[in-house]
Amino acid sequence: MGFDSPSARLRRTGGVAKAEAEYEKFRVLEAAKPSAAEKAFENAVQSIKKLEAGKVAQKKRPPKK
């Protein structure tokens, strides 16, 4: 009861090390993705640029007679 053979212990610790290494890769990839706040900020910036482009286009129209 509770006895682990040396090979079982090696497999278990090797599995833990591999899982930790894989998680570290995943964590790095996730950290590189933009957060929800960053996405919202980028969307707001794009919206403002579209609004400003529309205002500039309106100023260039010739006056109505």
PDB file of N, CA and C in Angstrom:
ATOM      1  N   MET A   1       0.829  -1.184   0.000  1.00  0.00           N
ATOM      2  CA  MET A   1       0.000   0.000   0.000  1.00  0.00           C
ATOM      3  C   MET A   1       0.872   1.246   0.000  1.00  0.00           C
ATOM      4  N   GLY A   2       0.624   2.120  -0.975  1.00  0.00           N
ATOM      5  CA  GLY A   2       1.383   3.347  -1.026  1.00  0.00           C
ATOM      6  C   GLY A   2       2.790   3.192  -1.579  1.00  0.00           C
ATOM      7  N   PHE A   3       3.127   1.971  -2.040  1.00  0.00           N
ATOM      8  CA  PHE A   3       4.468   1.755  -2.573  1.00  0.00           C
ATOM      9  C   PHE A   3       4.485   2.094  -4.052  1.00  0.00           C
ATOM     10  N   ASP A   4       5.394   2.953  -4.438  1.00  0.00           N
ATOM     11  CA  ASP A   4       5.584   3.275  -5.850  1.00  0.00           C
ATOM     12  C   ASP A   4       6.923   2.714  -6.281  1.00  0.00           C
ATOM     13  N   SER A   5       6.897   2.046  -7.404  1.00  0.00           N
ATOM     14  CA  SER A   5       8.169   1.564  -7.932  1.00  0.00           C
ATOM     15  C   SER A   5       8.942   2.772  -8.455  1.00  0.00           C
ATOM     16  N   PRO A   6      10.252   2.656  -8.550  1.00  0.00           N
ATOM     17  CA  PRO A   6      11.048   3.785  -9.059  1.00  0.00           C
ATOM     18  C   PRO A   6      10.608   4.221 -10.453  1.00  0.00           C
ATOM     19  N   SER A   7      10.233   3.278 -11.309  1.00  0.00           N
ATOM     20  CA  SER A   7       9.813   3.661 -12.662  1.00  0.00           C
ATOM     21  C   SER A   7       8.475   4.399 -12.632  1.00  0.00           C
ATOM     22  N   ALA A   8       7.552   3.999 -11.738  1.00  0.00           N
ATOM     23  CA  ALA A   8       6.270   4.699 -11.622  1.00  0.00           C
ATOM     24  C   ALA A   8       6.485   6.118 -11.118  1.00  0.00           C
ATOM     25  N   ARG A   9       7.379   6.262 -10.147  1.00  0.00           N
ATOM     26  CA  ARG A   9       7.681   7.591  -9.609  1.00  0.00           C
ATOM     27  C   ARG A   9       8.289   8.472 -10.694  1.00  0.00           C
ATOM     28  N   LEU A  10       9.179   7.916 -11.504  1.00  0.00           N
ATOM     29  CA  LEU A  10       9.822   8.665 -12.580  1.00  0.00           C
ATOM     30  C   LEU A  10       8.789   9.100 -13.613  1.00  0.00           C
ATOM     31  N   ARG A  11       7.875   8.200 -13.985  1.00  0.00           N
ATOM     32  CA  ARG A  11       6.837   8.556 -14.959  1.00  0.00           C
ATOM     33  C   ARG A  11       5.947   9.654 -14.403  1.00  0.00           C
ATOM     34  N   ARG A  12       5.574   9.548 -13.144  1.00  0.00           N
ATOM     35  CA  ARG A  12       4.687  10.544 -12.547  1.00  0.00           C
ATOM     36  C   ARG A  12       5.372  11.909 -12.492  1.00  0.00           C
ATOM     37  N   THR A  13       6.601  11.969 -12.053  1.00  0.00           N
ATOM     38  CA  THR A  13       7.289  13.263 -11.972  1.00  0.00           C
ATOM     39  C   THR A  13       7.593  13.803 -13.354  1.00  0.00           C
ATOM     40  N   GLY A  14       7.884  12.917 -14.297  1.00  0.00           N
ATOM     41  CA  GLY A  14       8.108  13.359 -15.681  1.00  0.00           C
ATOM     42  C   GLY A  14       6.828  13.926 -16.275  1.00  0.00           C
ATOM     43  N   GLY A  15       5.706  13.317 -15.944  1.00  0.00           N
ATOM     44  CA  GLY A  15       4.421  13.808 -16.427  1.00  0.00           C
ATOM     45  C   GLY A  15       4.092  15.171 -15.867  1.00  0.00           C
ATOM     46  N   VAL A  16       4.398  15.360 -14.595  1.00  0.00           N
ATOM     47  CA  VAL A  16       4.150  16.658 -13.964  1.00  0.00           C
ATOM     48  C   VAL A  16       5.033  17.723 -14.614  1.00  0.00           C
ATOM     49  N   ALA A  17       6.281  17.402 -14.854  1.00  0.00           N
ATOM     50  CA  ALA A  17       7.201  18.363 -15.477  1.00  0.00           C
ATOM     51  C   ALA A  17       6.728  18.712 -16.882  1.00  0.00           C
ATOM     52  N   LYS A  18       6.280  17.713 -17.630  1.00  0.00           N
ATOM     53  CA  LYS A  18       5.798  17.972 -18.988  1.00  0.00           C
ATOM     54  C   LYS A  18       4.541  18.832 -18.948  1.00  0.00           C
ATOM     55  N   ALA A  19       3.632  18.528 -18.027  1.00  0.00           N
ATOM     56  CA  ALA A  19       2.406  19.314 -17.908  1.00  0.00           C
ATOM     57  C   ALA A  19       2.729  20.761 -17.545  1.00  0.00           C
ATOM     58  N   GLU A  20       3.670  20.957 -16.643  1.00  0.00           N
ATOM     59  CA  GLU A  20       4.059  22.310 -16.267  1.00  0.00           C
ATOM     60  C   GLU A  20       4.684  23.055 -17.447  1.00  0.00           C
ATOM     61  N   ALA A  21       5.501  22.369 -18.237  1.00  0.00           N
ATOM     62  CA  ALA A  21       6.119  22.990 -19.409  1.00  0.00           C
ATOM     63  C   ALA A  21       5.060  23.369 -20.435  1.00  0.00           C
ATOM     64  N   GLU A  22       4.096  22.492 -20.657  1.00  0.00           N
ATOM     65  CA  GLU A  22       3.023  22.782 -21.610  1.00  0.00           C
ATOM     66  C   GLU A  22       2.165  23.945 -21.118  1.00  0.00           C
ATOM     67  N   TYR A  23       1.886  23.988 -19.838  1.00  0.00           N
ATOM     68  CA  TYR A  23       1.104  25.084 -19.284  1.00  0.00           C
ATOM     69  C   TYR A  23       1.850  26.406 -19.440  1.00  0.00           C
ATOM     70  N   GLU A  24       3.144  26.388 -19.256  1.00  0.00           N
ATOM     71  CA  GLU A  24       3.942  27.610 -19.414  1.00  0.00           C
ATOM     72  C   GLU A  24       3.849  28.118 -20.854  1.00  0.00           C
ATOM     73  N   LYS A  25       3.911  27.213 -21.829  1.00  0.00           N
ATOM     74  CA  LYS A  25       3.750  27.612 -23.239  1.00  0.00           C
ATOM     75  C   LYS A  25       2.377  28.248 -23.455  1.00  0.00           C
ATOM     76  N   PHE A  26       1.344  27.607 -22.916  1.00  0.00           N
ATOM     77  CA  PHE A  26      -0.017  28.114 -23.039  1.00  0.00           C
ATOM     78  C   PHE A  26      -0.142  29.494 -22.396  1.00  0.00           C
ATOM     79  N   ARG A  27       0.429  29.639 -21.212  1.00  0.00           N
ATOM     80  CA  ARG A  27       0.347  30.912 -20.489  1.00  0.00           C
ATOM     81  C   ARG A  27       0.994  32.042 -21.277  1.00  0.00           C
ATOM     82  N   VAL A  28       2.137  31.751 -21.895  1.00  0.00           N
ATOM     83  CA  VAL A  28       2.836  32.764 -22.691  1.00  0.00           C
ATOM     84  C   VAL A  28       1.982  33.167 -23.892  1.00  0.00           C
ATOM     85  N   LEU A  29       1.382  32.187 -24.561  1.00  0.00           N
ATOM     86  CA  LEU A  29       0.536  32.491 -25.713  1.00  0.00           C
ATOM     87  C   LEU A  29      -0.688  33.308 -25.302  1.00  0.00           C
ATOM     88  N   GLU A  30      -1.295  32.961 -24.199  1.00  0.00           N
ATOM     89  CA  GLU A  30      -2.468  33.690 -23.722  1.00  0.00           C
ATOM     90  C   GLU A  30      -2.105  35.117 -23.310  1.00  0.00           C
ATOM     91  N   ALA A  31      -0.943  35.295 -22.721  1.00  0.00           N
ATOM     92  CA  ALA A  31      -0.515  36.628 -22.289  1.00  0.00           C
ATOM     93  C   ALA A  31      -0.250  37.535 -23.493  1.00  0.00           C
ATOM     94  N   ALA A  32       0.103  36.947 -24.629  1.00  0.00           N
ATOM     95  CA  ALA A  32       0.385  37.734 -25.823  1.00  0.00           C
ATOM     96  C   ALA A  32      -0.893  38.223 -26.503  1.00  0.00           C
ATOM     97  N   LYS A  33      -2.022  37.580 -26.216  1.00  0.00           N
ATOM     98  CA  LYS A  33      -3.294  37.979 -26.821  1.00  0.00           C
ATOM     99  C   LYS A  33      -3.791  39.257 -26.151  1.00  0.00           C
ATOM    100  N   PRO A  34      -4.476  40.110 -26.919  1.00  0.00           N
ATOM    101  CA  PRO A  34      -5.016  41.318 -26.288  1.00  0.00           C
ATOM    102  C   PRO A  34      -6.147  40.982 -25.319  1.00  0.00           C
ATOM    103  N   SER A  35      -6.221  41.716 -24.241  1.00  0.00           N
ATOM    104  CA  SER A  35      -7.275  41.500 -23.245  1.00  0.00           C
ATOM    105  C   SER A  35      -8.584  42.092 -23.764  1.00  0.00           C
ATOM    106  N   ALA A  36      -9.662  41.832 -23.071  1.00  0.00           N
ATOM    107  CA  ALA A  36     -10.966  42.375 -23.453  1.00  0.00           C
ATOM    108  C   ALA A  36     -10.933  43.906 -23.425  1.00  0.00           C
ATOM    109  N   ALA A  37     -10.234  44.471 -22.445  1.00  0.00           N
ATOM    110  CA  ALA A  37     -10.130  45.930 -22.354  1.00  0.00           C
ATOM    111  C   ALA A  37      -9.352  46.495 -23.537  1.00  0.00           C
ATOM    112  N   GLU A  38      -8.285  45.812 -23.924  1.00  0.00           N
ATOM    113  CA  GLU A  38      -7.503  46.276 -25.070  1.00  0.00           C
ATOM    114  C   GLU A  38      -8.316  46.195 -26.362  1.00  0.00           C
ATOM    115  N   LYS A  39      -9.109  45.127 -26.506  1.00  0.00           N
ATOM    116  CA  LYS A  39      -9.966  44.998 -27.689  1.00  0.00           C
ATOM    117  C   LYS A  39     -11.003  46.116 -27.726  1.00  0.00           C
ATOM    118  N   ALA A  40     -11.604  46.400 -26.585  1.00  0.00           N
ATOM    119  CA  ALA A  40     -12.607  47.464 -26.511  1.00  0.00           C
ATOM    120  C   ALA A  40     -11.981  48.813 -26.835  1.00  0.00           C
ATOM    121  N   PHE A  41     -10.777  49.049 -26.343  1.00  0.00           N
ATOM    122  CA  PHE A  41     -10.071  50.299 -26.629  1.00  0.00           C
ATOM    123  C   PHE A  41      -9.812  50.430 -28.122  1.00  0.00           C
ATOM    124  N   GLU A  42      -9.329  49.374 -28.751  1.00  0.00           N
ATOM    125  CA  GLU A  42      -9.056  49.412 -30.192  1.00  0.00           C
ATOM    126  C   GLU A  42     -10.339  49.669 -30.985  1.00  0.00           C
ATOM    127  N   ASN A  43     -11.447  49.047 -30.570  1.00  0.00           N
ATOM    128  CA  ASN A  43     -12.722  49.282 -31.244  1.00  0.00           C
ATOM    129  C   ASN A  43     -13.160  50.735 -31.095  1.00  0.00           C
ATOM    130  N   ALA A  44     -12.949  51.305 -29.917  1.00  0.00           N
ATOM    131  CA  ALA A  44     -13.307  52.705 -29.689  1.00  0.00           C
ATOM    132  C   ALA A  44     -12.459  53.627 -30.557  1.00  0.00           C
ATOM    133  N   VAL A  45     -11.182  53.338 -30.662  1.00  0.00           N
ATOM    134  CA  VAL A  45     -10.294  54.148 -31.495  1.00  0.00           C
ATOM    135  C   VAL A  45     -10.741  54.088 -32.951  1.00  0.00           C
ATOM    136  N   GLN A  46     -11.087  52.899 -33.430  1.00  0.00           N
ATOM    137  CA  GLN A  46     -11.545  52.756 -34.813  1.00  0.00           C
ATOM    138  C   GLN A  46     -12.847  53.527 -35.036  1.00  0.00           C
ATOM    139  N   SER A  47     -13.754  53.472 -34.072  1.00  0.00           N
ATOM    140  CA  SER A  47     -15.014  54.204 -34.187  1.00  0.00           C
ATOM    141  C   SER A  47     -14.773  55.707 -34.268  1.00  0.00           C
ATOM    142  N   ILE A  48     -13.878  56.199 -33.442  1.00  0.00           N
ATOM    143  CA  ILE A  48     -13.555  57.625 -33.451  1.00  0.00           C
ATOM    144  C   ILE A  48     -12.942  58.023 -34.782  1.00  0.00           C
ATOM    145  N   LYS A  49     -12.056  57.197 -35.308  1.00  0.00           N
ATOM    146  CA  LYS A  49     -11.444  57.500 -36.602  1.00  0.00           C
ATOM    147  C   LYS A  49     -12.499  57.559 -37.696  1.00  0.00           C
ATOM    148  N   LYS A  50     -13.474  56.657 -37.659  1.00  0.00           N
ATOM    149  CA  LYS A  50     -14.544  56.671 -38.669  1.00  0.00           C
ATOM    150  C   LYS A  50     -15.388  57.936 -38.536  1.00  0.00           C
ATOM    151  N   LEU A  51     -15.690  58.316 -37.294  1.00  0.00           N
ATOM    152  CA  LEU A  51     -16.464  59.535 -37.076  1.00  0.00           C
ATOM    153  C   LEU A  51     -15.715  60.761 -37.574  1.00  0.00           C
ATOM    154  N   GLU A  52     -14.424  60.836 -37.264  1.00  0.00           N
ATOM    155  CA  GLU A  52     -13.619  61.971 -37.705  1.00  0.00           C
ATOM    156  C   GLU A  52     -13.517  62.001 -39.222  1.00  0.00           C
ATOM    157  N   ALA A  53     -13.394  60.853 -39.854  1.00  0.00           N
ATOM    158  CA  ALA A  53     -13.316  60.798 -41.314  1.00  0.00           C
ATOM    159  C   ALA A  53     -14.620  61.296 -41.920  1.00  0.00           C
ATOM    160  N   GLY A  54     -15.737  60.980 -41.305  1.00  0.00           N
ATOM    161  CA  GLY A  54     -17.036  61.459 -41.776  1.00  0.00           C
ATOM    162  C   GLY A  54     -17.171  62.961 -41.637  1.00  0.00           C
ATOM    163  N   LYS A  55     -16.668  63.531 -40.566  1.00  0.00           N
ATOM    164  CA  LYS A  55     -16.727  64.975 -40.350  1.00  0.00           C
ATOM    165  C   LYS A  55     -15.865  65.698 -41.368  1.00  0.00           C
ATOM    166  N   VAL A  56     -14.705  65.162 -41.682  1.00  0.00           N
ATOM    167  CA  VAL A  56     -13.819  65.768 -42.669  1.00  0.00           C
ATOM    168  C   VAL A  56     -14.491  65.731 -44.034  1.00  0.00           C
ATOM    169  N   ALA A  57     -15.127  64.628 -44.365  1.00  0.00           N
ATOM    170  CA  ALA A  57     -15.800  64.506 -45.652  1.00  0.00           C
ATOM    171  C   ALA A  57     -16.952  65.508 -45.739  1.00  0.00           C
ATOM    172  N   GLN A  58     -17.660  65.754 -44.650  1.00  0.00           N
ATOM    173  CA  GLN A  58     -18.752  66.711 -44.651  1.00  0.00           C
ATOM    174  C   GLN A  58     -18.243  68.130 -44.853  1.00  0.00           C
ATOM    175  N   LYS A  59     -17.103  68.473 -44.331  1.00  0.00           N
ATOM    176  CA  LYS A  59     -16.556  69.821 -44.463  1.00  0.00           C
ATOM    177  C   LYS A  59     -16.139  70.111 -45.897  1.00  0.00           C
ATOM    178  N   LYS A  60     -15.783  69.091 -46.670  1.00  0.00           N
ATOM    179  CA  LYS A  60     -15.297  69.291 -48.022  1.00  0.00           C
ATOM    180  C   LYS A  60     -16.432  69.437 -49.051  1.00  0.00           C
ATOM    181  N   ARG A  61     -17.665  69.207 -48.635  1.00  0.00           N
ATOM    182  CA  ARG A  61     -18.785  69.322 -49.576  1.00  0.00           C
ATOM    183  C   ARG A  61     -18.998  70.786 -49.946  1.00  0.00           C
ATOM    184  N   PRO A  62     -19.406  71.032 -51.172  1.00  0.00           N
ATOM    185  CA  PRO A  62     -19.720  72.420 -51.543  1.00  0.00           C
ATOM    186  C   PRO A  62     -21.023  72.851 -50.882  1.00  0.00           C
ATOM    187  N   PRO A  63     -21.161  74.110 -50.584  1.00  0.00           N
ATOM    188  CA  PRO A  63     -22.385  74.593 -49.922  1.00  0.00           C
ATOM    189  C   PRO A  63     -23.598  74.453 -50.839  1.00  0.00           C
ATOM    190  N   LYS A  64     -24.761  74.220 -50.221  1.00  0.00           N
ATOM    191  CA  LYS A  64     -26.009  74.118 -50.988  1.00  0.00           C
ATOM    192  C   LYS A  64     -26.467  75.495 -51.415  1.00  0.00           C
ATOM    193  N   LYS A  65     -27.085  75.575 -52.591  1.00  0.00           N
ATOM    194  CA  LYS A  65     -27.588  76.880 -53.101  1.00  0.00           C
ATOM    195  C   LYS A  65     -29.072  76.928 -53.055  1.00  0.00           C
TER     196      LYS A  65
END
